Amino acid sequence: TPDHTIYQVSSEIKGALAQGWQGRIGTIIDQLLPAGSILGAPRESTRR
């Protein structure tokens, strides 16, 4: 940034989708929203 360097910590998580995932791409994204990283846990009580 103009004033300093920001360090952010990340991790990587992977999994395998079933064949034909392209035809379910919207449905897959829908099942993962809202993004957990900007929500919290547990999902519903934290959202409220």
ModelCIF file with pLDDT and N, C-alpha, C, O atoms, coordinates in Angstrom:
data_MODEL
#
_entry.id   MODEL 
#
_entity.id                         1 
_entity.type                       polymer 
_entity.pdbx_number_of_molecules   1 
#
_entity_poly.entity_id                      1 
_entity_poly.type                           'polypeptide(L)' 
_entity_poly.nstd_linkage                   no 
_entity_poly.nstd_monomer                   no 
_entity_poly.pdbx_seq_one_letter_code       TPDHTIYQVSSEIKGALAQGWQGRIGTIIDQLLPAGSILGAPRESTRR 
_entity_poly.pdbx_seq_one_letter_code_can   TPDHTIYQVSSEIKGALAQGWQGRIGTIIDQLLPAGSILGAPRESTRR 
_entity_poly.pdbx_strand_id                 A 
#
loop_
_entity_poly_seq.entity_id 
_entity_poly_seq.num 
_entity_poly_seq.mon_id 
_entity_poly_seq.hetero 
1 1  THR n 
1 2  PRO n 
1 3  ASP n 
1 4  HIS n 
1 5  THR n 
1 6  ILE n 
1 7  TYR n 
1 8  GLN n 
1 9  VAL n 
1 10 SER n 
1 11 SER n 
1 12 GLU n 
1 13 ILE n 
1 14 LYS n 
1 15 GLY n 
1 16 ALA n 
1 17 LEU n 
1 18 ALA n 
1 19 GLN n 
1 20 GLY n 
1 21 TRP n 
1 22 GLN n 
1 23 GLY n 
1 24 ARG n 
1 25 ILE n 
1 26 GLY n 
1 27 THR n 
1 28 ILE n 
1 29 ILE n 
1 30 ASP n 
1 31 GLN n 
1 32 LEU n 
1 33 LEU n 
1 34 PRO n 
1 35 ALA n 
1 36 GLY n 
1 37 SER n 
1 38 ILE n 
1 39 LEU n 
1 40 GLY n 
1 41 ALA n 
1 42 PRO n 
1 43 ARG n 
1 44 GLU n 
1 45 SER n 
1 46 THR n 
1 47 ARG n 
1 48 ARG n 
#
_struct_asym.id          A 
_struct_asym.entity_id   1 
#
loop_
_ma_qa_metric.id 
_ma_qa_metric.mode 
_ma_qa_metric.name 
_ma_qa_metric.software_group_id 
_ma_qa_metric.type 
1 global pLDDT . pLDDT 
2 local  pLDDT . pLDDT 
#
_ma_qa_metric_global.metric_id      1 
_ma_qa_metric_global.metric_value   91.54 
_ma_qa_metric_global.model_id       1 
_ma_qa_metric_global.ordinal_id     1 
#
loop_
_ma_qa_metric_local.label_asym_id 
_ma_qa_metric_local.label_comp_id 
_ma_qa_metric_local.label_seq_id 
_ma_qa_metric_local.metric_id 
_ma_qa_metric_local.metric_value 
_ma_qa_metric_local.model_id 
_ma_qa_metric_local.ordinal_id 
A THR 1  2 69.00 1 1  
A PRO 2  2 67.00 1 2  
A ASP 3  2 71.00 1 3  
A HIS 4  2 76.00 1 4  
A THR 5  2 79.00 1 5  
A ILE 6  2 77.00 1 6  
A TYR 7  2 77.00 1 7  
A GLN 8  2 78.00 1 8  
A VAL 9  2 84.00 1 9  
A SER 10 2 84.00 1 10 
A SER 11 2 90.00 1 11 
A GLU 12 2 93.00 1 12 
A ILE 13 2 96.00 1 13 
A LYS 14 2 97.00 1 14 
A GLY 15 2 98.00 1 15 
A ALA 16 2 98.00 1 16 
A LEU 17 2 98.00 1 17 
A ALA 18 2 97.00 1 18 
A GLN 19 2 96.00 1 19 
A GLY 20 2 97.00 1 20 
A TRP 21 2 98.00 1 21 
A GLN 22 2 98.00 1 22 
A GLY 23 2 98.00 1 23 
A ARG 24 2 98.00 1 24 
A ILE 25 2 98.00 1 25 
A GLY 26 2 98.00 1 26 
A THR 27 2 98.00 1 27 
A ILE 28 2 98.00 1 28 
A ILE 29 2 98.00 1 29 
A ASP 30 2 98.00 1 30 
A GLN 31 2 97.00 1 31 
A LEU 32 2 97.00 1 32 
A LEU 33 2 97.00 1 33 
A PRO 34 2 95.00 1 34 
A ALA 35 2 94.00 1 35 
A GLY 36 2 91.00 1 36 
A SER 37 2 89.00 1 37 
A ILE 38 2 93.00 1 38 
A LEU 39 2 94.00 1 39 
A GLY 40 2 92.00 1 40 
A ALA 41 2 90.00 1 41 
A PRO 42 2 93.00 1 42 
A ARG 43 2 92.00 1 43 
A GLU 44 2 94.00 1 44 
A SER 45 2 96.00 1 45 
A THR 46 2 96.00 1 46 
A ARG 47 2 96.00 1 47 
A ARG 48 2 96.00 1 48 
#
loop_
_atom_site.group_PDB 
_atom_site.id 
_atom_site.type_symbol 
_atom_site.label_atom_id 
_atom_site.label_alt_id 
_atom_site.label_comp_id 
_atom_site.label_asym_id 
_atom_site.label_entity_id 
_atom_site.label_seq_id 
_atom_site.pdbx_PDB_ins_code 
_atom_site.Cartn_x 
_atom_site.Cartn_y 
_atom_site.Cartn_z 
_atom_site.occupancy 
_atom_site.B_iso_or_equiv 
_atom_site.pdbx_formal_charge 
_atom_site.auth_seq_id 
_atom_site.auth_comp_id 
_atom_site.auth_asym_id 
_atom_site.auth_atom_id 
_atom_site.pdbx_PDB_model_num 
ATOM 1   N N  . THR A 1 1  ? 0.861   -1.180  0.000   1.00 69.00 ? 1  THR A N  1 
ATOM 2   C CA . THR A 1 1  ? 0.000   0.000   0.000   1.00 69.00 ? 1  THR A CA 1 
ATOM 3   C C  . THR A 1 1  ? 0.898   1.231   0.000   1.00 69.00 ? 1  THR A C  1 
ATOM 4   O O  . THR A 1 1  ? 2.106   1.105   0.202   1.00 69.00 ? 1  THR A O  1 
ATOM 5   N N  . PRO A 1 2  ? 0.339   2.416   -0.221  1.00 67.00 ? 2  PRO A N  1 
ATOM 6   C CA . PRO A 1 2  ? 1.188   3.621   -0.220  1.00 67.00 ? 2  PRO A CA 1 
ATOM 7   C C  . PRO A 1 2  ? 1.918   3.845   1.099   1.00 67.00 ? 2  PRO A C  1 
ATOM 8   O O  . PRO A 1 2  ? 2.981   4.466   1.113   1.00 67.00 ? 2  PRO A O  1 
ATOM 9   N N  . ASP A 1 3  ? 1.364   3.349   2.214   1.00 71.00 ? 3  ASP A N  1 
ATOM 10  C CA . ASP A 1 3  ? 1.940   3.637   3.530   1.00 71.00 ? 3  ASP A CA 1 
ATOM 11  C C  . ASP A 1 3  ? 2.748   2.490   4.123   1.00 71.00 ? 3  ASP A C  1 
ATOM 12  O O  . ASP A 1 3  ? 3.684   2.729   4.885   1.00 71.00 ? 3  ASP A O  1 
ATOM 13  N N  . HIS A 1 4  ? 2.404   1.249   3.787   1.00 76.00 ? 4  HIS A N  1 
ATOM 14  C CA . HIS A 1 4  ? 3.066   0.106   4.400   1.00 76.00 ? 4  HIS A CA 1 
ATOM 15  C C  . HIS A 1 4  ? 2.758   -1.160  3.609   1.00 76.00 ? 4  HIS A C  1 
ATOM 16  O O  . HIS A 1 4  ? 2.005   -1.135  2.636   1.00 76.00 ? 4  HIS A O  1 
ATOM 17  N N  . THR A 1 5  ? 3.349   -2.255  4.039   1.00 79.00 ? 5  THR A N  1 
ATOM 18  C CA . THR A 1 5  ? 3.048   -3.569  3.469   1.00 79.00 ? 5  THR A CA 1 
ATOM 19  C C  . THR A 1 5  ? 2.094   -4.300  4.405   1.00 79.00 ? 5  THR A C  1 
ATOM 20  O O  . THR A 1 5  ? 2.298   -4.320  5.619   1.00 79.00 ? 5  THR A O  1 
ATOM 21  N N  . ILE A 1 6  ? 1.054   -4.899  3.836   1.00 77.00 ? 6  ILE A N  1 
ATOM 22  C CA . ILE A 1 6  ? 0.112   -5.703  4.611   1.00 77.00 ? 6  ILE A CA 1 
ATOM 23  C C  . ILE A 1 6  ? 0.438   -7.170  4.379   1.00 77.00 ? 6  ILE A C  1 
ATOM 24  O O  . ILE A 1 6  ? 0.546   -7.622  3.239   1.00 77.00 ? 6  ILE A O  1 
ATOM 25  N N  . TYR A 1 7  ? 0.595   -7.912  5.481   1.00 77.00 ? 7  TYR A N  1 
ATOM 26  C CA . TYR A 1 7  ? 0.767   -9.356  5.402   1.00 77.00 ? 7  TYR A CA 1 
ATOM 27  C C  . TYR A 1 7  ? -0.569  -10.015 5.714   1.00 77.00 ? 7  TYR A C  1 
ATOM 28  O O  . TYR A 1 7  ? -1.205  -9.702  6.721   1.00 77.00 ? 7  TYR A O  1 
ATOM 29  N N  . GLN A 1 8  ? -0.992  -10.933 4.841   1.00 78.00 ? 8  GLN A N  1 
ATOM 30  C CA . GLN A 1 8  ? -2.216  -11.685 5.091   1.00 78.00 ? 8  GLN A CA 1 
ATOM 31  C C  . GLN A 1 8  ? -1.912  -13.178 5.047   1.00 78.00 ? 8  GLN A C  1 
ATOM 32  O O  . GLN A 1 8  ? -1.105  -13.642 4.241   1.00 78.00 ? 8  GLN A O  1 
ATOM 33  N N  . VAL A 1 9  ? -2.574  -13.917 5.928   1.00 84.00 ? 9  VAL A N  1 
ATOM 34  C CA . VAL A 1 9  ? -2.325  -15.353 6.059   1.00 84.00 ? 9  VAL A CA 1 
ATOM 35  C C  . VAL A 1 9  ? -3.437  -16.121 5.357   1.00 84.00 ? 9  VAL A C  1 
ATOM 36  O O  . VAL A 1 9  ? -4.618  -15.847 5.570   1.00 84.00 ? 9  VAL A O  1 
ATOM 37  N N  . SER A 1 10 ? -3.059  -17.082 4.522   1.00 84.00 ? 10 SER A N  1 
ATOM 38  C CA . SER A 1 10 ? -4.019  -17.862 3.744   1.00 84.00 ? 10 SER A CA 1 
ATOM 39  C C  . SER A 1 10 ? -3.771  -19.354 3.933   1.00 84.00 ? 10 SER A C  1 
ATOM 40  O O  . SER A 1 10 ? -2.705  -19.769 4.389   1.00 84.00 ? 10 SER A O  1 
ATOM 41  N N  . SER A 1 11 ? -4.772  -20.150 3.576   1.00 90.00 ? 11 SER A N  1 
ATOM 42  C CA . SER A 1 11 ? -4.638  -21.602 3.452   1.00 90.00 ? 11 SER A CA 1 
ATOM 43  C C  . SER A 1 11 ? -5.341  -22.023 2.176   1.00 90.00 ? 11 SER A C  1 
ATOM 44  O O  . SER A 1 11 ? -6.148  -21.269 1.632   1.00 90.00 ? 11 SER A O  1 
ATOM 45  N N  . GLU A 1 12 ? -5.041  -23.230 1.688   1.00 93.00 ? 12 GLU A N  1 
ATOM 46  C CA . GLU A 1 12 ? -5.672  -23.739 0.473   1.00 93.00 ? 12 GLU A CA 1 
ATOM 47  C C  . GLU A 1 12 ? -6.408  -25.039 0.791   1.00 93.00 ? 12 GLU A C  1 
ATOM 48  O O  . GLU A 1 12 ? -5.870  -25.938 1.438   1.00 93.00 ? 12 GLU A O  1 
ATOM 49  N N  . ILE A 1 13 ? -7.661  -25.114 0.318   1.00 96.00 ? 13 ILE A N  1 
ATOM 50  C CA . ILE A 1 13 ? -8.511  -26.286 0.535   1.00 96.00 ? 13 ILE A CA 1 
ATOM 51  C C  . ILE A 1 13 ? -8.994  -26.765 -0.824  1.00 96.00 ? 13 ILE A C  1 
ATOM 52  O O  . ILE A 1 13 ? -9.392  -25.950 -1.656  1.00 96.00 ? 13 ILE A O  1 
ATOM 53  N N  . LYS A 1 14 ? -8.967  -28.074 -1.066  1.00 97.00 ? 14 LYS A N  1 
ATOM 54  C CA . LYS A 1 14 ? -9.332  -28.626 -2.373  1.00 97.00 ? 14 LYS A CA 1 
ATOM 55  C C  . LYS A 1 14 ? -10.291 -29.801 -2.223  1.00 97.00 ? 14 LYS A C  1 
ATOM 56  O O  . LYS A 1 14 ? -10.332 -30.472 -1.191  1.00 97.00 ? 14 LYS A O  1 
ATOM 57  N N  . GLY A 1 15 ? -11.065 -30.028 -3.293  1.00 98.00 ? 15 GLY A N  1 
ATOM 58  C CA . GLY A 1 15 ? -11.931 -31.198 -3.385  1.00 98.00 ? 15 GLY A CA 1 
ATOM 59  C C  . GLY A 1 15 ? -12.222 -31.507 -4.840  1.00 98.00 ? 15 GLY A C  1 
ATOM 60  O O  . GLY A 1 15 ? -11.847 -30.737 -5.724  1.00 98.00 ? 15 GLY A O  1 
ATOM 61  N N  . ALA A 1 16 ? -12.889 -32.628 -5.103  1.00 98.00 ? 16 ALA A N  1 
ATOM 62  C CA . ALA A 1 16 ? -13.179 -33.076 -6.474  1.00 98.00 ? 16 ALA A CA 1 
ATOM 63  C C  . ALA A 1 16 ? -14.682 -33.069 -6.722  1.00 98.00 ? 16 ALA A C  1 
ATOM 64  O O  . ALA A 1 16 ? -15.448 -33.655 -5.957  1.00 98.00 ? 16 ALA A O  1 
ATOM 65  N N  . LEU A 1 17 ? -15.103 -32.395 -7.806  1.00 98.00 ? 17 LEU A N  1 
ATOM 66  C CA . LEU A 1 17 ? -16.508 -32.364 -8.209  1.00 98.00 ? 17 LEU A CA 1 
ATOM 67  C C  . LEU A 1 17 ? -16.830 -33.554 -9.107  1.00 98.00 ? 17 LEU A C  1 
ATOM 68  O O  . LEU A 1 17 ? -15.952 -34.105 -9.770  1.00 98.00 ? 17 LEU A O  1 
ATOM 69  N N  . ALA A 1 18 ? -18.095 -33.937 -9.117  1.00 97.00 ? 18 ALA A N  1 
ATOM 70  C CA . ALA A 1 18 ? -18.539 -35.007 -10.005 1.00 97.00 ? 18 ALA A CA 1 
ATOM 71  C C  . ALA A 1 18 ? -18.525 -34.521 -11.455 1.00 97.00 ? 18 ALA A C  1 
ATOM 72  O O  . ALA A 1 18 ? -18.570 -33.318 -11.711 1.00 97.00 ? 18 ALA A O  1 
ATOM 73  N N  . GLN A 1 19 ? -18.462 -35.455 -12.393 1.00 96.00 ? 19 GLN A N  1 
ATOM 74  C CA . GLN A 1 19 ? -18.491 -35.112 -13.814 1.00 96.00 ? 19 GLN A CA 1 
ATOM 75  C C  . GLN A 1 19 ? -19.768 -34.336 -14.145 1.00 96.00 ? 19 GLN A C  1 
ATOM 76  O O  . GLN A 1 19 ? -20.812 -34.523 -13.520 1.00 96.00 ? 19 GLN A O  1 
ATOM 77  N N  . GLY A 1 20 ? -19.654 -33.460 -15.146 1.00 97.00 ? 20 GLY A N  1 
ATOM 78  C CA . GLY A 1 20 ? -20.803 -32.658 -15.547 1.00 97.00 ? 20 GLY A CA 1 
ATOM 79  C C  . GLY A 1 20 ? -21.046 -31.460 -14.650 1.00 97.00 ? 20 GLY A C  1 
ATOM 80  O O  . GLY A 1 20 ? -22.139 -30.893 -14.648 1.00 97.00 ? 20 GLY A O  1 
ATOM 81  N N  . TRP A 1 21 ? -20.024 -31.067 -13.881 1.00 98.00 ? 21 TRP A N  1 
ATOM 82  C CA . TRP A 1 21 ? -20.181 -29.947 -12.948 1.00 98.00 ? 21 TRP A CA 1 
ATOM 83  C C  . TRP A 1 21 ? -20.529 -28.648 -13.669 1.00 98.00 ? 21 TRP A C  1 
ATOM 84  O O  . TRP A 1 21 ? -21.150 -27.761 -13.083 1.00 98.00 ? 21 TRP A O  1 
ATOM 85  N N  . GLN A 1 22 ? -20.131 -28.532 -14.943 1.00 98.00 ? 22 GLN A N  1 
ATOM 86  C CA . GLN A 1 22 ? -20.384 -27.280 -15.670 1.00 98.00 ? 22 GLN A CA 1 
ATOM 87  C C  . GLN A 1 22 ? -21.877 -26.952 -15.723 1.00 98.00 ? 22 GLN A C  1 
ATOM 88  O O  . GLN A 1 22 ? -22.258 -25.786 -15.631 1.00 98.00 ? 22 GLN A O  1 
ATOM 89  N N  . GLY A 1 23 ? -22.721 -27.974 -15.870 1.00 98.00 ? 23 GLY A N  1 
ATOM 90  C CA . GLY A 1 23 ? -24.163 -27.752 -15.935 1.00 98.00 ? 23 GLY A CA 1 
ATOM 91  C C  . GLY A 1 23 ? -24.803 -27.489 -14.589 1.00 98.00 ? 23 GLY A C  1 
ATOM 92  O O  . GLY A 1 23 ? -26.008 -27.246 -14.516 1.00 98.00 ? 23 GLY A O  1 
ATOM 93  N N  . ARG A 1 24 ? -24.014 -27.533 -13.512 1.00 98.00 ? 24 ARG A N  1 
ATOM 94  C CA . ARG A 1 24 ? -24.501 -27.236 -12.161 1.00 98.00 ? 24 ARG A CA 1 
ATOM 95  C C  . ARG A 1 24 ? -23.711 -26.093 -11.535 1.00 98.00 ? 24 ARG A C  1 
ATOM 96  O O  . ARG A 1 24 ? -23.740 -25.906 -10.319 1.00 98.00 ? 24 ARG A O  1 
ATOM 97  N N  . ILE A 1 25 ? -23.015 -25.339 -12.358 1.00 98.00 ? 25 ILE A N  1 
ATOM 98  C CA . ILE A 1 25 ? -22.077 -24.359 -11.822 1.00 98.00 ? 25 ILE A CA 1 
ATOM 99  C C  . ILE A 1 25 ? -22.771 -23.314 -10.943 1.00 98.00 ? 25 ILE A C  1 
ATOM 100 O O  . ILE A 1 25 ? -22.240 -22.944 -9.896  1.00 98.00 ? 25 ILE A O  1 
ATOM 101 N N  . GLY A 1 26 ? -23.945 -22.837 -11.353 1.00 98.00 ? 26 GLY A N  1 
ATOM 102 C CA . GLY A 1 26 ? -24.681 -21.886 -10.530 1.00 98.00 ? 26 GLY A CA 1 
ATOM 103 C C  . GLY A 1 26 ? -25.154 -22.518 -9.234  1.00 98.00 ? 26 GLY A C  1 
ATOM 104 O O  . GLY A 1 26 ? -25.054 -21.912 -8.167  1.00 98.00 ? 26 GLY A O  1 
ATOM 105 N N  . THR A 1 27 ? -25.668 -23.732 -9.325  1.00 98.00 ? 27 THR A N  1 
ATOM 106 C CA . THR A 1 27 ? -26.152 -24.438 -8.141  1.00 98.00 ? 27 THR A CA 1 
ATOM 107 C C  . THR A 1 27 ? -25.022 -24.686 -7.152  1.00 98.00 ? 27 THR A C  1 
ATOM 108 O O  . THR A 1 27 ? -25.215 -24.556 -5.943  1.00 98.00 ? 27 THR A O  1 
ATOM 109 N N  . ILE A 1 28 ? -23.837 -25.043 -7.660  1.00 98.00 ? 28 ILE A N  1 
ATOM 110 C CA . ILE A 1 28 ? -22.676 -25.258 -6.793  1.00 98.00 ? 28 ILE A CA 1 
ATOM 111 C C  . ILE A 1 28 ? -22.307 -23.975 -6.053  1.00 98.00 ? 28 ILE A C  1 
ATOM 112 O O  . ILE A 1 28 ? -22.093 -23.998 -4.841  1.00 98.00 ? 28 ILE A O  1 
ATOM 113 N N  . ILE A 1 29 ? -22.231 -22.862 -6.774  1.00 98.00 ? 29 ILE A N  1 
ATOM 114 C CA . ILE A 1 29 ? -21.893 -21.581 -6.149  1.00 98.00 ? 29 ILE A CA 1 
ATOM 115 C C  . ILE A 1 29 ? -22.944 -21.213 -5.108  1.00 98.00 ? 29 ILE A C  1 
ATOM 116 O O  . ILE A 1 29 ? -22.606 -20.746 -4.021  1.00 98.00 ? 29 ILE A O  1 
ATOM 117 N N  . ASP A 1 30 ? -24.210 -21.419 -5.434  1.00 98.00 ? 30 ASP A N  1 
ATOM 118 C CA . ASP A 1 30 ? -25.296 -21.099 -4.507  1.00 98.00 ? 30 ASP A CA 1 
ATOM 119 C C  . ASP A 1 30 ? -25.139 -21.844 -3.185  1.00 98.00 ? 30 ASP A C  1 
ATOM 120 O O  . ASP A 1 30 ? -25.386 -21.276 -2.121  1.00 98.00 ? 30 ASP A O  1 
ATOM 121 N N  . GLN A 1 31 ? -24.733 -23.108 -3.243  1.00 97.00 ? 31 GLN A N  1 
ATOM 122 C CA . GLN A 1 31 ? -24.596 -23.914 -2.025  1.00 97.00 ? 31 GLN A CA 1 
ATOM 123 C C  . GLN A 1 31 ? -23.445 -23.437 -1.139  1.00 97.00 ? 31 GLN A C  1 
ATOM 124 O O  . GLN A 1 31 ? -23.380 -23.805 0.034   1.00 97.00 ? 31 GLN A O  1 
ATOM 125 N N  . LEU A 1 32 ? -22.547 -22.632 -1.678  1.00 97.00 ? 32 LEU A N  1 
ATOM 126 C CA . LEU A 1 32 ? -21.384 -22.172 -0.920  1.00 97.00 ? 32 LEU A CA 1 
ATOM 127 C C  . LEU A 1 32 ? -21.530 -20.747 -0.388  1.00 97.00 ? 32 LEU A C  1 
ATOM 128 O O  . LEU A 1 32 ? -20.638 -20.249 0.298   1.00 97.00 ? 32 LEU A O  1 
ATOM 129 N N  . LEU A 1 33 ? -22.640 -20.094 -0.696  1.00 97.00 ? 33 LEU A N  1 
ATOM 130 C CA . LEU A 1 33 ? -22.829 -18.699 -0.303  1.00 97.00 ? 33 LEU A CA 1 
ATOM 131 C C  . LEU A 1 33 ? -23.712 -18.569 0.935   1.00 97.00 ? 33 LEU A C  1 
ATOM 132 O O  . LEU A 1 33 ? -24.551 -19.428 1.206   1.00 97.00 ? 33 LEU A O  1 
ATOM 133 N N  . PRO A 1 34 ? -23.506 -17.456 1.700   1.00 95.00 ? 34 PRO A N  1 
ATOM 134 C CA . PRO A 1 34 ? -22.458 -16.451 1.577   1.00 95.00 ? 34 PRO A CA 1 
ATOM 135 C C  . PRO A 1 34 ? -21.080 -17.059 1.846   1.00 95.00 ? 34 PRO A C  1 
ATOM 136 O O  . PRO A 1 34 ? -20.961 -18.076 2.529   1.00 95.00 ? 34 PRO A O  1 
ATOM 137 N N  . ALA A 1 35 ? -20.048 -16.426 1.302   1.00 94.00 ? 35 ALA A N  1 
ATOM 138 C CA . ALA A 1 35 ? -18.685 -16.921 1.492   1.00 94.00 ? 35 ALA A CA 1 
ATOM 139 C C  . ALA A 1 35 ? -18.350 -16.984 2.978   1.00 94.00 ? 35 ALA A C  1 
ATOM 140 O O  . ALA A 1 35 ? -18.546 -16.013 3.709   1.00 94.00 ? 35 ALA A O  1 
ATOM 141 N N  . GLY A 1 36 ? -17.847 -18.125 3.415   1.00 91.00 ? 36 GLY A N  1 
ATOM 142 C CA . GLY A 1 36 ? -17.584 -18.313 4.833   1.00 91.00 ? 36 GLY A CA 1 
ATOM 143 C C  . GLY A 1 36 ? -16.575 -17.339 5.399   1.00 91.00 ? 36 GLY A C  1 
ATOM 144 O O  . GLY A 1 36 ? -16.649 -16.992 6.577   1.00 91.00 ? 36 GLY A O  1 
ATOM 145 N N  . SER A 1 37 ? -15.619 -16.882 4.574   1.00 89.00 ? 37 SER A N  1 
ATOM 146 C CA . SER A 1 37 ? -14.558 -16.013 5.074   1.00 89.00 ? 37 SER A CA 1 
ATOM 147 C C  . SER A 1 37 ? -15.065 -14.635 5.471   1.00 89.00 ? 37 SER A C  1 
ATOM 148 O O  . SER A 1 37 ? -14.417 -13.949 6.262   1.00 89.00 ? 37 SER A O  1 
ATOM 149 N N  . ILE A 1 38 ? -16.221 -14.210 4.932   1.00 93.00 ? 38 ILE A N  1 
ATOM 150 C CA . ILE A 1 38 ? -16.765 -12.904 5.302   1.00 93.00 ? 38 ILE A CA 1 
ATOM 151 C C  . ILE A 1 38 ? -18.046 -13.053 6.119   1.00 93.00 ? 38 ILE A C  1 
ATOM 152 O O  . ILE A 1 38 ? -18.793 -12.091 6.300   1.00 93.00 ? 38 ILE A O  1 
ATOM 153 N N  . LEU A 1 39 ? -18.292 -14.266 6.609   1.00 94.00 ? 39 LEU A N  1 
ATOM 154 C CA . LEU A 1 39 ? -19.455 -14.520 7.450   1.00 94.00 ? 39 LEU A CA 1 
ATOM 155 C C  . LEU A 1 39 ? -18.968 -14.965 8.825   1.00 94.00 ? 39 LEU A C  1 
ATOM 156 O O  . LEU A 1 39 ? -18.843 -14.142 9.732   1.00 94.00 ? 39 LEU A O  1 
ATOM 157 N N  . GLY A 1 40 ? -18.692 -16.254 8.988   1.00 92.00 ? 40 GLY A N  1 
ATOM 158 C CA . GLY A 1 40 ? -18.253 -16.784 10.269  1.00 92.00 ? 40 GLY A CA 1 
ATOM 159 C C  . GLY A 1 40 ? -18.919 -18.109 10.550  1.00 92.00 ? 40 GLY A C  1 
ATOM 160 O O  . GLY A 1 40 ? -19.457 -18.748 9.645   1.00 92.00 ? 40 GLY A O  1 
ATOM 161 N N  . ALA A 1 41 ? -18.884 -18.519 11.793  1.00 90.00 ? 41 ALA A N  1 
ATOM 162 C CA . ALA A 1 41 ? -19.424 -19.828 12.153  1.00 90.00 ? 41 ALA A CA 1 
ATOM 163 C C  . ALA A 1 41 ? -19.982 -19.784 13.584  1.00 90.00 ? 41 ALA A C  1 
ATOM 164 O O  . ALA A 1 41 ? -19.438 -19.111 14.459  1.00 90.00 ? 41 ALA A O  1 
ATOM 165 N N  . PRO A 1 42 ? -21.104 -20.534 13.800  1.00 93.00 ? 42 PRO A N  1 
ATOM 166 C CA . PRO A 1 42 ? -21.943 -21.241 12.815  1.00 93.00 ? 42 PRO A CA 1 
ATOM 167 C C  . PRO A 1 42 ? -22.627 -20.242 11.881  1.00 93.00 ? 42 PRO A C  1 
ATOM 168 O O  . PRO A 1 42 ? -22.818 -19.079 12.235  1.00 93.00 ? 42 PRO A O  1 
ATOM 169 N N  . ARG A 1 43 ? -22.986 -20.702 10.705  1.00 92.00 ? 43 ARG A N  1 
ATOM 170 C CA . ARG A 1 43 ? -23.431 -19.807 9.645   1.00 92.00 ? 43 ARG A CA 1 
ATOM 171 C C  . ARG A 1 43 ? -24.653 -18.959 10.019  1.00 92.00 ? 43 ARG A C  1 
ATOM 172 O O  . ARG A 1 43 ? -24.565 -17.733 10.068  1.00 92.00 ? 43 ARG A O  1 
ATOM 173 N N  . GLU A 1 44 ? -25.788 -19.609 10.280  1.00 94.00 ? 44 GLU A N  1 
ATOM 174 C CA . GLU A 1 44 ? -27.046 -18.861 10.389  1.00 94.00 ? 44 GLU A CA 1 
ATOM 175 C C  . GLU A 1 44 ? -27.091 -17.972 11.632  1.00 94.00 ? 44 GLU A C  1 
ATOM 176 O O  . GLU A 1 44 ? -27.505 -16.816 11.542  1.00 94.00 ? 44 GLU A O  1 
ATOM 177 N N  . SER A 1 45 ? -26.680 -18.482 12.773  1.00 96.00 ? 45 SER A N  1 
ATOM 178 C CA . SER A 1 45 ? -26.718 -17.653 13.981  1.00 96.00 ? 45 SER A CA 1 
ATOM 179 C C  . SER A 1 45 ? -25.715 -16.507 13.878  1.00 96.00 ? 45 SER A C  1 
ATOM 180 O O  . SER A 1 45 ? -25.968 -15.416 14.388  1.00 96.00 ? 45 SER A O  1 
ATOM 181 N N  . THR A 1 46 ? -24.581 -16.745 13.225  1.00 96.00 ? 46 THR A N  1 
ATOM 182 C CA . THR A 1 46 ? -23.601 -15.674 13.039  1.00 96.00 ? 46 THR A CA 1 
ATOM 183 C C  . THR A 1 46 ? -24.132 -14.617 12.079  1.00 96.00 ? 46 THR A C  1 
ATOM 184 O O  . THR A 1 46 ? -23.908 -13.422 12.274  1.00 96.00 ? 46 THR A O  1 
ATOM 185 N N  . ARG A 1 47 ? -24.829 -15.057 11.052  1.00 96.00 ? 47 ARG A N  1 
ATOM 186 C CA . ARG A 1 47 ? -25.398 -14.088 10.103  1.00 96.00 ? 47 ARG A CA 1 
ATOM 187 C C  . ARG A 1 47 ? -26.399 -13.167 10.803  1.00 96.00 ? 47 ARG A C  1 
ATOM 188 O O  . ARG A 1 47 ? -26.419 -11.963 10.546  1.00 96.00 ? 47 ARG A O  1 
ATOM 189 N N  . ARG A 1 48 ? -27.218 -13.723 11.677  1.00 96.00 ? 48 ARG A N  1 
ATOM 190 C CA . ARG A 1 48 ? -28.181 -12.894 12.428  1.00 96.00 ? 48 ARG A CA 1 
ATOM 191 C C  . ARG A 1 48 ? -27.452 -11.948 13.373  1.00 96.00 ? 48 ARG A C  1 
ATOM 192 O O  . ARG A 1 48 ? -28.091 -11.174 14.086  1.00 96.00 ? 48 ARG A O  1 
#
